[in-house]
């Protein structure tokens, strides 16, 4: 397993956690830790931030995982970053 940190941020809306976690689960990624927070954003609108410590199997292609997360982030209109931990 390789350990990665995944961060997501954007306007708070239903389904962010479920959708991004589904991308990870479909690729056999284990979520070791997940935290979220919703601080007020610009103008007082709700802002959402999520951080995941993910255990990625060695046989997973990191680039493919990044692309899948980016595609889901585009659909959700959030920003996602993935980096080795």
C-alpha atoms as a PDB file:
ATOM      1  CA  UNK A   1       0.000   0.000   0.000  1.00  0.00           C
ATOM      2  CA  UNK A   2       1.001   3.593  -0.684  1.00  0.00           C
ATOM      3  CA  UNK A   3      -0.344   6.370   1.517  1.00  0.00           C
ATOM      4  CA  UNK A   4      -1.876   9.438  -0.151  1.00  0.00           C
ATOM      5  CA  UNK A   5      -3.521  12.573   1.140  1.00  0.00           C
ATOM      6  CA  UNK A   6      -6.601  13.698  -0.761  1.00  0.00           C
ATOM      7  CA  UNK A   7      -8.100  17.140  -0.237  1.00  0.00           C
ATOM      8  CA  UNK A   8     -11.374  18.442  -1.613  1.00  0.00           C
ATOM      9  CA  UNK A   9     -12.835  21.932  -1.275  1.00  0.00           C
ATOM     10  CA  UNK A  10     -15.765  23.811  -2.727  1.00  0.00           C
ATOM     11  CA  UNK A  11     -19.296  24.986  -2.152  1.00  0.00           C
ATOM     12  CA  UNK A  12     -21.001  22.789   0.432  1.00  0.00           C
ATOM     13  CA  UNK A  13     -23.552  20.449  -1.159  1.00  0.00           C
ATOM     14  CA  UNK A  14     -24.981  16.988  -0.602  1.00  0.00           C
ATOM     15  CA  UNK A  15     -23.096  14.043  -2.073  1.00  0.00           C
ATOM     16  CA  UNK A  16     -19.473  15.193  -2.004  1.00  0.00           C
ATOM     17  CA  UNK A  17     -18.300  12.558   0.475  1.00  0.00           C
ATOM     18  CA  UNK A  18     -20.340   9.741  -1.074  1.00  0.00           C
ATOM     19  CA  UNK A  19     -19.248  10.507  -4.627  1.00  0.00           C
ATOM     20  CA  UNK A  20     -15.531  10.893  -3.966  1.00  0.00           C
ATOM     21  CA  UNK A  21     -15.458   7.889  -1.631  1.00  0.00           C
ATOM     22  CA  UNK A  22     -17.213   5.811  -4.320  1.00  0.00           C
ATOM     23  CA  UNK A  23     -14.387   6.632  -6.750  1.00  0.00           C
ATOM     24  CA  UNK A  24     -11.897   5.383  -4.163  1.00  0.00           C
ATOM     25  CA  UNK A  25     -13.892   2.264  -3.250  1.00  0.00           C
ATOM     26  CA  UNK A  26     -14.300   1.291  -6.906  1.00  0.00           C
ATOM     27  CA  UNK A  27     -10.498   1.176  -7.126  1.00  0.00           C
ATOM     28  CA  UNK A  28      -9.903  -0.795  -3.920  1.00  0.00           C
ATOM     29  CA  UNK A  29      -8.572   2.203  -2.010  1.00  0.00           C
ATOM     30  CA  UNK A  30      -8.893   2.034   1.779  1.00  0.00           C
ATOM     31  CA  UNK A  31      -9.860   5.221   3.602  1.00  0.00           C
ATOM     32  CA  UNK A  32      -7.725   5.230   6.753  1.00  0.00           C
ATOM     33  CA  UNK A  33      -8.963   8.607   7.971  1.00  0.00           C
ATOM     34  CA  UNK A  34     -11.500  11.165   6.799  1.00  0.00           C
ATOM     35  CA  UNK A  35     -12.213  14.604   8.227  1.00  0.00           C
ATOM     36  CA  UNK A  36     -14.485  17.395   7.069  1.00  0.00           C
ATOM     37  CA  UNK A  37     -15.306  20.935   8.013  1.00  0.00           C
ATOM     38  CA  UNK A  38     -17.667  23.617   6.774  1.00  0.00           C
ATOM     39  CA  UNK A  39     -16.312  27.080   7.528  1.00  0.00           C
ATOM     40  CA  UNK A  40     -18.152  30.123   6.190  1.00  0.00           C
ATOM     41  CA  UNK A  41     -17.007  30.987   2.690  1.00  0.00           C
ATOM     42  CA  UNK A  42     -16.879  34.330   0.911  1.00  0.00           C
ATOM     43  CA  UNK A  43     -20.055  36.291   1.540  1.00  0.00           C
ATOM     44  CA  UNK A  44     -21.092  33.835   4.250  1.00  0.00           C
ATOM     45  CA  UNK A  45     -22.021  31.015   1.867  1.00  0.00           C
ATOM     46  CA  UNK A  46     -21.158  27.524   3.178  1.00  0.00           C
ATOM     47  CA  UNK A  47     -17.743  26.240   2.115  1.00  0.00           C
ATOM     48  CA  UNK A  48     -16.769  22.564   2.382  1.00  0.00           C
ATOM     49  CA  UNK A  49     -13.361  21.049   3.034  1.00  0.00           C
ATOM     50  CA  UNK A  50     -12.534  17.341   3.234  1.00  0.00           C
ATOM     51  CA  UNK A  51      -9.231  15.587   3.908  1.00  0.00           C
ATOM     52  CA  UNK A  52      -8.692  11.852   3.402  1.00  0.00           C
ATOM     53  CA  UNK A  53      -5.741   9.668   4.332  1.00  0.00           C
ATOM     54  CA  UNK A  54      -5.985   6.922   1.708  1.00  0.00           C
ATOM     55  CA  UNK A  55      -4.167   3.596   1.432  1.00  0.00           C
ATOM     56  CA  UNK A  56      -3.782   2.905  -2.278  1.00  0.00           C
ATOM     57  CA  UNK A  57      -2.845  -0.627  -3.397  1.00  0.00           C
ATOM     58  CA  UNK A  58       0.557  -0.808  -5.120  1.00  0.00           C
ATOM     59  CA  UNK A  59      -1.039  -2.159  -8.315  1.00  0.00           C
ATOM     60  CA  UNK A  60      -3.241   0.943  -8.762  1.00  0.00           C
ATOM     61  CA  UNK A  61      -2.138   3.477 -11.353  1.00  0.00           C
ATOM     62  CA  UNK A  62      -1.816   6.806  -9.498  1.00  0.00           C
ATOM     63  CA  UNK A  63      -2.431   8.779 -12.698  1.00  0.00           C
ATOM     64  CA  UNK A  64      -5.682   6.910 -13.392  1.00  0.00           C
ATOM     65  CA  UNK A  65      -6.801   7.546  -9.800  1.00  0.00           C
ATOM     66  CA  UNK A  66      -6.027  11.265 -10.179  1.00  0.00           C
ATOM     67  CA  UNK A  67      -7.981  11.405 -13.440  1.00  0.00           C
ATOM     68  CA  UNK A  68     -10.993   9.611 -11.939  1.00  0.00           C
ATOM     69  CA  UNK A  69     -11.025  11.938  -8.924  1.00  0.00           C
ATOM     70  CA  UNK A  70     -10.640  14.985 -11.194  1.00  0.00           C
ATOM     71  CA  UNK A  71     -13.569  13.878 -13.367  1.00  0.00           C
ATOM     72  CA  UNK A  72     -15.793  13.420 -10.317  1.00  0.00           C
ATOM     73  CA  UNK A  73     -14.616  16.741  -8.880  1.00  0.00           C
ATOM     74  CA  UNK A  74     -15.567  18.464 -12.147  1.00  0.00           C
ATOM     75  CA  UNK A  75     -19.025  16.902 -11.945  1.00  0.00           C
ATOM     76  CA  UNK A  76     -19.408  18.062  -8.332  1.00  0.00           C
ATOM     77  CA  UNK A  77     -17.842  21.490  -9.025  1.00  0.00           C
ATOM     78  CA  UNK A  78     -15.217  21.091  -6.291  1.00  0.00           C
ATOM     79  CA  UNK A  79     -11.421  21.212  -6.305  1.00  0.00           C
ATOM     80  CA  UNK A  80      -9.553  17.985  -5.527  1.00  0.00           C
ATOM     81  CA  UNK A  81      -5.846  17.420  -4.924  1.00  0.00           C
ATOM     82  CA  UNK A  82      -4.078  14.124  -4.353  1.00  0.00           C
ATOM     83  CA  UNK A  83      -0.500  13.872  -3.136  1.00  0.00           C
ATOM     84  CA  UNK A  84       1.750  11.270  -1.546  1.00  0.00           C
ATOM     85  CA  UNK A  85       1.560  11.469   2.237  1.00  0.00           C
END
